[in-house]
Amino acid sequence: MDEPLDCLVVGGGPAGLTAAIYLARFHLDILVVDEGKSRASWIPCTHNHAGFPDGINGKELLERMRAQAQRYGAKIVTEQVTKLE
């Protein structure tokens, strides 16, 4: 990537996507690089996320978080980070 970014988020699990949501809401140029192997996607029903008192499927949670991050302008690519310079 040769484009200047304000922030690179490595990993698209709940923590990385939360960071992307908050940073993008500040109108920063955000790129999330996600290999697509978040352990959160394995959870059939998590009760550990605010706003879902009855629980939510891990894959659905990740989909909703991705959509919210993208709504605020974060770019998300399915790649693997192998080197930073």
PDB file of N, CA and C in Angstrom:
ATOM      1  N   MET A   1       0.842  -1.181   0.000  1.00  0.00           N
ATOM      2  CA  MET A   1       0.000   0.000   0.000  1.00  0.00           C
ATOM      3  C   MET A   1       0.881   1.236   0.000  1.00  0.00           C
ATOM      4  N   ASP A   2       0.649   2.096  -0.922  1.00  0.00           N
ATOM      5  CA  ASP A   2       1.415   3.332  -0.995  1.00  0.00           C
ATOM      6  C   ASP A   2       0.595   4.546  -0.592  1.00  0.00           C
ATOM      7  N   GLU A   3      -0.705   4.342  -0.362  1.00  0.00           N
ATOM      8  CA  GLU A   3      -1.566   5.470  -0.001  1.00  0.00           C
ATOM      9  C   GLU A   3      -1.349   5.848   1.461  1.00  0.00           C
ATOM     10  N   PRO A   4      -1.272   7.146   1.754  1.00  0.00           N
ATOM     11  CA  PRO A   4      -1.125   7.540   3.161  1.00  0.00           C
ATOM     12  C   PRO A   4      -2.417   7.261   3.935  1.00  0.00           C
ATOM     13  N   LEU A   5      -2.253   6.743   5.142  1.00  0.00           N
ATOM     14  CA  LEU A   5      -3.380   6.449   6.023  1.00  0.00           C
ATOM     15  C   LEU A   5      -3.181   7.163   7.343  1.00  0.00           C
ATOM     16  N   ASP A   6      -4.272   7.422   8.027  1.00  0.00           N
ATOM     17  CA  ASP A   6      -4.163   7.902   9.400  1.00  0.00           C
ATOM     18  C   ASP A   6      -3.924   6.736  10.347  1.00  0.00           C
ATOM     19  N   CYS A   7      -4.527   5.579  10.015  1.00  0.00           N
ATOM     20  CA  CYS A   7      -4.383   4.428  10.903  1.00  0.00           C
ATOM     21  C   CYS A   7      -4.580   3.138  10.131  1.00  0.00           C
ATOM     22  N   LEU A   8      -3.731   2.164  10.437  1.00  0.00           N
ATOM     23  CA  LEU A   8      -3.854   0.814   9.908  1.00  0.00           C
ATOM     24  C   LEU A   8      -4.258  -0.088  11.076  1.00  0.00           C
ATOM     25  N   VAL A   9      -5.357  -0.799  10.913  1.00  0.00           N
ATOM     26  CA  VAL A   9      -5.808  -1.736  11.928  1.00  0.00           C
ATOM     27  C   VAL A   9      -5.546  -3.136  11.389  1.00  0.00           C
ATOM     28  N   VAL A  10      -4.753  -3.899  12.118  1.00  0.00           N
ATOM     29  CA  VAL A  10      -4.426  -5.261  11.709  1.00  0.00           C
ATOM     30  C   VAL A  10      -5.321  -6.206  12.498  1.00  0.00           C
ATOM     31  N   GLY A  11      -6.240  -6.835  11.804  1.00  0.00           N
ATOM     32  CA  GLY A  11      -7.172  -7.762  12.430  1.00  0.00           C
ATOM     33  C   GLY A  11      -8.576  -7.206  12.458  1.00  0.00           C
ATOM     34  N   GLY A  12      -9.526  -8.011  12.013  1.00  0.00           N
ATOM     35  CA  GLY A  12     -10.923  -7.577  11.939  1.00  0.00           C
ATOM     36  C   GLY A  12     -11.821  -8.304  12.909  1.00  0.00           C
ATOM     37  N   GLY A  13     -11.295  -8.604  14.094  1.00  0.00           N
ATOM     38  CA  GLY A  13     -12.140  -9.154  15.152  1.00  0.00           C
ATOM     39  C   GLY A  13     -12.848  -8.013  15.871  1.00  0.00           C
ATOM     40  N   PRO A  14     -13.555  -8.311  16.940  1.00  0.00           N
ATOM     41  CA  PRO A  14     -14.290  -7.265  17.653  1.00  0.00           C
ATOM     42  C   PRO A  14     -13.420  -6.085  18.102  1.00  0.00           C
ATOM     43  N   ALA A  15     -12.209  -6.350  18.584  1.00  0.00           N
ATOM     44  CA  ALA A  15     -11.353  -5.246  19.050  1.00  0.00           C
ATOM     45  C   ALA A  15     -10.918  -4.363  17.888  1.00  0.00           C
ATOM     46  N   GLY A  16     -10.460  -4.976  16.802  1.00  0.00           N
ATOM     47  CA  GLY A  16     -10.020  -4.200  15.642  1.00  0.00           C
ATOM     48  C   GLY A  16     -11.154  -3.410  15.010  1.00  0.00           C
ATOM     49  N   LEU A  17     -12.325  -4.023  14.918  1.00  0.00           N
ATOM     50  CA  LEU A  17     -13.462  -3.323  14.327  1.00  0.00           C
ATOM     51  C   LEU A  17     -13.981  -2.212  15.222  1.00  0.00           C
ATOM     52  N   THR A  18     -13.919  -2.407  16.547  1.00  0.00           N
ATOM     53  CA  THR A  18     -14.293  -1.328  17.458  1.00  0.00           C
ATOM     54  C   THR A  18     -13.357  -0.143  17.268  1.00  0.00           C
ATOM     55  N   ALA A  19     -12.058  -0.408  17.180  1.00  0.00           N
ATOM     56  CA  ALA A  19     -11.092   0.668  16.933  1.00  0.00           C
ATOM     57  C   ALA A  19     -11.407   1.374  15.619  1.00  0.00           C
ATOM     58  N   ALA A  20     -11.691   0.603  14.579  1.00  0.00           N
ATOM     59  CA  ALA A  20     -11.988   1.192  13.268  1.00  0.00           C
ATOM     60  C   ALA A  20     -13.238   2.068  13.322  1.00  0.00           C
ATOM     61  N   ILE A  21     -14.258   1.624  14.039  1.00  0.00           N
ATOM     62  CA  ILE A  21     -15.493   2.409  14.152  1.00  0.00           C
ATOM     63  C   ILE A  21     -15.207   3.756  14.809  1.00  0.00           C
ATOM     64  N   TYR A  22     -14.518   3.727  15.942  1.00  0.00           N
ATOM     65  CA  TYR A  22     -14.245   4.982  16.653  1.00  0.00           C
ATOM     66  C   TYR A  22     -13.335   5.896  15.839  1.00  0.00           C
ATOM     67  N   LEU A  23     -12.298   5.361  15.245  1.00  0.00           N
ATOM     68  CA  LEU A  23     -11.373   6.183  14.457  1.00  0.00           C
ATOM     69  C   LEU A  23     -12.058   6.764  13.219  1.00  0.00           C
ATOM     70  N   ALA A  24     -12.861   5.958  12.544  1.00  0.00           N
ATOM     71  CA  ALA A  24     -13.556   6.443  11.347  1.00  0.00           C
ATOM     72  C   ALA A  24     -14.578   7.521  11.704  1.00  0.00           C
ATOM     73  N   ARG A  25     -15.187   7.408  12.867  1.00  0.00           N
ATOM     74  CA  ARG A  25     -16.146   8.436  13.287  1.00  0.00           C
ATOM     75  C   ARG A  25     -15.458   9.783  13.501  1.00  0.00           C
ATOM     76  N   PHE A  26     -14.148   9.769  13.733  1.00  0.00           N
ATOM     77  CA  PHE A  26     -13.368  11.007  13.833  1.00  0.00           C
ATOM     78  C   PHE A  26     -12.877  11.469  12.472  1.00  0.00           C
ATOM     79  N   HIS A  27     -13.426  10.870  11.411  1.00  0.00           N
ATOM     80  CA  HIS A  27     -13.123  11.239  10.025  1.00  0.00           C
ATOM     81  C   HIS A  27     -11.655  11.009   9.668  1.00  0.00           C
ATOM     82  N   LEU A  28     -11.067   9.969  10.264  1.00  0.00           N
ATOM     83  CA  LEU A  28      -9.704   9.598   9.915  1.00  0.00           C
ATOM     84  C   LEU A  28      -9.742   8.563   8.798  1.00  0.00           C
ATOM     85  N   ASP A  29      -8.669   8.491   8.028  1.00  0.00           N
ATOM     86  CA  ASP A  29      -8.566   7.539   6.930  1.00  0.00           C
ATOM     87  C   ASP A  29      -8.068   6.211   7.509  1.00  0.00           C
ATOM     88  N   ILE A  30      -8.960   5.222   7.563  1.00  0.00           N
ATOM     89  CA  ILE A  30      -8.702   3.966   8.252  1.00  0.00           C
ATOM     90  C   ILE A  30      -8.709   2.817   7.248  1.00  0.00           C
ATOM     91  N   LEU A  31      -7.756   1.905   7.417  1.00  0.00           N
ATOM     92  CA  LEU A  31      -7.746   0.659   6.663  1.00  0.00           C
ATOM     93  C   LEU A  31      -7.661  -0.489   7.651  1.00  0.00           C
ATOM     94  N   VAL A  32      -8.596  -1.423   7.528  1.00  0.00           N
ATOM     95  CA  VAL A  32      -8.576  -2.642   8.331  1.00  0.00           C
ATOM     96  C   VAL A  32      -8.125  -3.771   7.412  1.00  0.00           C
ATOM     97  N   VAL A  33      -7.062  -4.455   7.806  1.00  0.00           N
ATOM     98  CA  VAL A  33      -6.597  -5.622   7.065  1.00  0.00           C
ATOM     99  C   VAL A  33      -6.980  -6.840   7.896  1.00  0.00           C
ATOM    100  N   ASP A  34      -7.835  -7.668   7.331  1.00  0.00           N
ATOM    101  CA  ASP A  34      -8.396  -8.802   8.066  1.00  0.00           C
ATOM    102  C   ASP A  34      -8.256 -10.064   7.233  1.00  0.00           C
ATOM    103  N   GLU A  35      -7.627 -11.067   7.799  1.00  0.00           N
ATOM    104  CA  GLU A  35      -7.466 -12.341   7.102  1.00  0.00           C
ATOM    105  C   GLU A  35      -8.771 -13.137   7.086  1.00  0.00           C
ATOM    106  N   GLY A  36      -9.716 -12.741   7.941  1.00  0.00           N
ATOM    107  CA  GLY A  36     -11.016 -13.405   7.957  1.00  0.00           C
ATOM    108  C   GLY A  36     -11.063 -14.642   8.838  1.00  0.00           C
ATOM    109  N   LYS A  37     -10.157 -14.731   9.808  1.00  0.00           N
ATOM    110  CA  LYS A  37     -10.115 -15.914  10.669  1.00  0.00           C
ATOM    111  C   LYS A  37     -10.349 -15.560  12.144  1.00  0.00           C
ATOM    112  N   SER A  38     -11.177 -14.578  12.405  1.00  0.00           N
ATOM    113  CA  SER A  38     -11.445 -14.164  13.782  1.00  0.00           C
ATOM    114  C   SER A  38     -12.072 -15.312  14.573  1.00  0.00           C
ATOM    115  N   ARG A  39     -11.553 -15.538  15.759  1.00  0.00           N
ATOM    116  CA  ARG A  39     -12.137 -16.577  16.631  1.00  0.00           C
ATOM    117  C   ARG A  39     -13.566 -16.226  17.018  1.00  0.00           C
ATOM    118  N   ALA A  40     -13.913 -14.959  16.952  1.00  0.00           N
ATOM    119  CA  ALA A  40     -15.282 -14.558  17.287  1.00  0.00           C
ATOM    120  C   ALA A  40     -16.296 -15.217  16.352  1.00  0.00           C
ATOM    121  N   SER A  41     -15.890 -15.517  15.131  1.00  0.00           N
ATOM    122  CA  SER A  41     -16.816 -16.137  14.171  1.00  0.00           C
ATOM    123  C   SER A  41     -17.175 -17.567  14.558  1.00  0.00           C
ATOM    124  N   TRP A  42     -16.405 -18.180  15.444  1.00  0.00           N
ATOM    125  CA  TRP A  42     -16.682 -19.552  15.884  1.00  0.00           C
ATOM    126  C   TRP A  42     -17.738 -19.615  16.977  1.00  0.00           C
ATOM    127  N   ILE A  43     -18.072 -18.473  17.573  1.00  0.00           N
ATOM    128  CA  ILE A  43     -18.965 -18.453  18.738  1.00  0.00           C
ATOM    129  C   ILE A  43     -20.414 -18.568  18.268  1.00  0.00           C
ATOM    130  N   PRO A  44     -21.123 -19.620  18.695  1.00  0.00           N
ATOM    131  CA  PRO A  44     -22.512 -19.769  18.266  1.00  0.00           C
ATOM    132  C   PRO A  44     -23.433 -18.694  18.844  1.00  0.00           C
ATOM    133  N   CYS A  45     -23.163 -18.283  20.086  1.00  0.00           N
ATOM    134  CA  CYS A  45     -23.968 -17.221  20.708  1.00  0.00           C
ATOM    135  C   CYS A  45     -23.157 -16.609  21.850  1.00  0.00           C
ATOM    136  N   THR A  46     -22.746 -15.370  21.661  1.00  0.00           N
ATOM    137  CA  THR A  46     -21.982 -14.696  22.704  1.00  0.00           C
ATOM    138  C   THR A  46     -22.894 -13.780  23.511  1.00  0.00           C
ATOM    139  N   HIS A  47     -22.671 -13.759  24.798  1.00  0.00           N
ATOM    140  CA  HIS A  47     -23.419 -12.873  25.699  1.00  0.00           C
ATOM    141  C   HIS A  47     -22.491 -11.816  26.274  1.00  0.00           C
ATOM    142  N   ASN A  48     -21.318 -11.660  25.667  1.00  0.00           N
ATOM    143  CA  ASN A  48     -20.298 -10.758  26.191  1.00  0.00           C
ATOM    144  C   ASN A  48     -20.170  -9.462  25.397  1.00  0.00           C
ATOM    145  N   HIS A  49     -21.186  -9.095  24.662  1.00  0.00           N
ATOM    146  CA  HIS A  49     -21.103  -7.860  23.885  1.00  0.00           C
ATOM    147  C   HIS A  49     -22.266  -6.953  24.250  1.00  0.00           C
ATOM    148  N   ALA A  50     -21.944  -5.725  24.573  1.00  0.00           N
ATOM    149  CA  ALA A  50     -22.974  -4.755  24.950  1.00  0.00           C
ATOM    150  C   ALA A  50     -24.008  -4.595  23.836  1.00  0.00           C
ATOM    151  N   GLY A  51     -25.237  -4.399  24.251  1.00  0.00           N
ATOM    152  CA  GLY A  51     -26.313  -4.141  23.301  1.00  0.00           C
ATOM    153  C   GLY A  51     -27.048  -5.381  22.834  1.00  0.00           C
ATOM    154  N   PHE A  52     -26.594  -6.550  23.245  1.00  0.00           N
ATOM    155  CA  PHE A  52     -27.243  -7.797  22.851  1.00  0.00           C
ATOM    156  C   PHE A  52     -27.506  -8.642  24.100  1.00  0.00           C
ATOM    157  N   PRO A  53     -28.503  -8.252  24.913  1.00  0.00           N
ATOM    158  CA  PRO A  53     -28.751  -8.941  26.173  1.00  0.00           C
ATOM    159  C   PRO A  53     -29.142 -10.410  25.992  1.00  0.00           C
ATOM    160  N   ASP A  54     -29.679 -10.771  24.838  1.00  0.00           N
ATOM    161  CA  ASP A  54     -30.046 -12.165  24.573  1.00  0.00           C
ATOM    162  C   ASP A  54     -28.955 -12.909  23.820  1.00  0.00           C
ATOM    163  N   GLY A  55     -27.829 -12.248  23.592  1.00  0.00           N
ATOM    164  CA  GLY A  55     -26.717 -12.855  22.871  1.00  0.00           C
ATOM    165  C   GLY A  55     -26.810 -12.619  21.372  1.00  0.00           C
ATOM    166  N   ILE A  56     -25.702 -12.909  20.679  1.00  0.00           N
ATOM    167  CA  ILE A  56     -25.637 -12.754  19.232  1.00  0.00           C
ATOM    168  C   ILE A  56     -24.614 -13.745  18.694  1.00  0.00           C
ATOM    169  N   ASN A  57     -24.898 -14.284  17.534  1.00  0.00           N
ATOM    170  CA  ASN A  57     -23.985 -15.179  16.846  1.00  0.00           C
ATOM    171  C   ASN A  57     -22.716 -14.415  16.473  1.00  0.00           C
ATOM    172  N   GLY A  58     -21.562 -15.037  16.639  1.00  0.00           N
ATOM    173  CA  GLY A  58     -20.293 -14.369  16.362  1.00  0.00           C
ATOM    174  C   GLY A  58     -20.161 -13.848  14.939  1.00  0.00           C
ATOM    175  N   LYS A  59     -20.594 -14.637  13.957  1.00  0.00           N
ATOM    176  CA  LYS A  59     -20.505 -14.192  12.553  1.00  0.00           C
ATOM    177  C   LYS A  59     -21.387 -12.974  12.316  1.00  0.00           C
ATOM    178  N   GLU A  60     -22.584 -12.994  12.890  1.00  0.00           N
ATOM    179  CA  GLU A  60     -23.489 -11.852  12.721  1.00  0.00           C
ATOM    180  C   GLU A  60     -22.920 -10.609  13.387  1.00  0.00           C
ATOM    181  N   LEU A  61     -22.337 -10.781  14.575  1.00  0.00           N
ATOM    182  CA  LEU A  61     -21.723  -9.650  15.264  1.00  0.00           C
ATOM    183  C   LEU A  61     -20.633  -9.027  14.395  1.00  0.00           C
ATOM    184  N   LEU A  62     -19.760  -9.854  13.830  1.00  0.00           N
ATOM    185  CA  LEU A  62     -18.688  -9.337  12.977  1.00  0.00           C
ATOM    186  C   LEU A  62     -19.247  -8.639  11.736  1.00  0.00           C
ATOM    187  N   GLU A  63     -20.270  -9.206  11.128  1.00  0.00           N
ATOM    188  CA  GLU A  63     -20.896  -8.576   9.951  1.00  0.00           C
ATOM    189  C   GLU A  63     -21.453  -7.199  10.296  1.00  0.00           C
ATOM    190  N   ARG A  64     -22.136  -7.107  11.437  1.00  0.00           N
ATOM    191  CA  ARG A  64     -22.708  -5.820  11.848  1.00  0.00           C
ATOM    192  C   ARG A  64     -21.613  -4.794  12.147  1.00  0.00           C
ATOM    193  N   MET A  65     -20.553  -5.248  12.798  1.00  0.00           N
ATOM    194  CA  MET A  65     -19.460  -4.330  13.130  1.00  0.00           C
ATOM    195  C   MET A  65     -18.740  -3.860  11.862  1.00  0.00           C
ATOM    196  N   ARG A  66     -18.523  -4.770  10.905  1.00  0.00           N
ATOM    197  CA  ARG A  66     -17.912  -4.377   9.618  1.00  0.00           C
ATOM    198  C   ARG A  66     -18.773  -3.327   8.919  1.00  0.00           C
ATOM    199  N   ALA A  67     -20.078  -3.592   8.872  1.00  0.00           N
ATOM    200  CA  ALA A  67     -20.988  -2.651   8.206  1.00  0.00           C
ATOM    201  C   ALA A  67     -20.957  -1.286   8.882  1.00  0.00           C
ATOM    202  N   GLN A  68     -20.902  -1.270  10.209  1.00  0.00           N
ATOM    203  CA  GLN A  68     -20.865   0.009  10.918  1.00  0.00           C
ATOM    204  C   GLN A  68     -19.554   0.748  10.641  1.00  0.00           C
ATOM    205  N   ALA A  69     -18.442   0.039  10.657  1.00  0.00           N
ATOM    206  CA  ALA A  69     -17.150   0.674  10.363  1.00  0.00           C
ATOM    207  C   ALA A  69     -17.146   1.241   8.949  1.00  0.00           C
ATOM    208  N   GLN A  70     -17.653   0.467   7.998  1.00  0.00           N
ATOM    209  CA  GLN A  70     -17.685   0.935   6.607  1.00  0.00           C
ATOM    210  C   GLN A  70     -18.641   2.107   6.432  1.00  0.00           C
ATOM    211  N   ARG A  71     -19.715   2.116   7.183  1.00  0.00           N
ATOM    212  CA  ARG A  71     -20.673   3.230   7.107  1.00  0.00           C
ATOM    213  C   ARG A  71     -19.989   4.560   7.428  1.00  0.00           C
ATOM    214  N   TYR A  72     -19.029   4.509   8.347  1.00  0.00           N
ATOM    215  CA  TYR A  72     -18.309   5.726   8.725  1.00  0.00           C
ATOM    216  C   TYR A  72     -17.051   5.955   7.899  1.00  0.00           C
ATOM    217  N   GLY A  73     -16.804   5.097   6.923  1.00  0.00           N
ATOM    218  CA  GLY A  73     -15.717   5.356   5.984  1.00  0.00           C
ATOM    219  C   GLY A  73     -14.492   4.480   6.107  1.00  0.00           C
ATOM    220  N   ALA A  74     -14.480   3.543   7.035  1.00  0.00           N
ATOM    221  CA  ALA A  74     -13.331   2.643   7.133  1.00  0.00           C
ATOM    222  C   ALA A  74     -13.310   1.717   5.915  1.00  0.00           C
ATOM    223  N   LYS A  75     -12.124   1.467   5.408  1.00  0.00           N
ATOM    224  CA  LYS A  75     -11.960   0.504   4.322  1.00  0.00           C
ATOM    225  C   LYS A  75     -11.507  -0.811   4.940  1.00  0.00           C
ATOM    226  N   ILE A  76     -12.083  -1.915   4.473  1.00  0.00           N
ATOM    227  CA  ILE A  76     -11.738  -3.232   4.990  1.00  0.00           C
ATOM    228  C   ILE A  76     -11.331  -4.112   3.824  1.00  0.00           C
ATOM    229  N   VAL A  77     -10.151  -4.718   3.927  1.00  0.00           N
ATOM    230  CA  VAL A  77      -9.685  -5.627   2.883  1.00  0.00           C
ATOM    231  C   VAL A  77      -9.393  -6.987   3.498  1.00  0.00           C
ATOM    232  N   THR A  78      -9.624  -8.024   2.710  1.00  0.00           N
ATOM    233  CA  THR A  78      -9.307  -9.386   3.147  1.00  0.00           C
ATOM    234  C   THR A  78      -7.914  -9.710   2.643  1.00  0.00           C
ATOM    235  N   GLU A  79      -6.973  -9.563   3.532  1.00  0.00           N
ATOM    236  CA  GLU A  79      -5.558  -9.785   3.221  1.00  0.00           C
ATOM    237  C   GLU A  79      -4.863 -10.242   4.483  1.00  0.00           C
ATOM    238  N   GLN A  80      -3.599 -10.575   4.347  1.00  0.00           N
ATOM    239  CA  GLN A  80      -2.774 -10.922   5.489  1.00  0.00           C
ATOM    240  C   GLN A  80      -1.590  -9.962   5.521  1.00  0.00           C
ATOM    241  N   VAL A  81      -1.316  -9.398   6.668  1.00  0.00           N
ATOM    242  CA  VAL A  81      -0.161  -8.525   6.828  1.00  0.00           C
ATOM    243  C   VAL A  81       1.054  -9.419   7.025  1.00  0.00           C
ATOM    244  N   THR A  82       2.028  -9.250   6.153  1.00  0.00           N
ATOM    245  CA  THR A  82       3.256 -10.059   6.269  1.00  0.00           C
ATOM    246  C   THR A  82       4.472  -9.210   6.560  1.00  0.00           C
ATOM    247  N   LYS A  83       4.362  -7.899   6.320  1.00  0.00           N
ATOM    248  CA  LYS A  83       5.510  -7.027   6.534  1.00  0.00           C
ATOM    249  C   LYS A  83       5.052  -5.583   6.633  1.00  0.00           C
ATOM    250  N   LEU A  84       5.666  -4.830   7.539  1.00  0.00           N
ATOM    251  CA  LEU A  84       5.417  -3.400   7.650  1.00  0.00           C
ATOM    252  C   LEU A  84       6.744  -2.673   7.463  1.00  0.00           C
ATOM    253  N   GLU A  85       6.714  -1.607   6.726  1.00  0.00           N
ATOM    254  CA  GLU A  85       7.928  -0.802   6.519  1.00  0.00           C
ATOM    255  C   GLU A  85       7.662   0.635   6.915  1.00  0.00           C
TER     256      GLU A  85
END
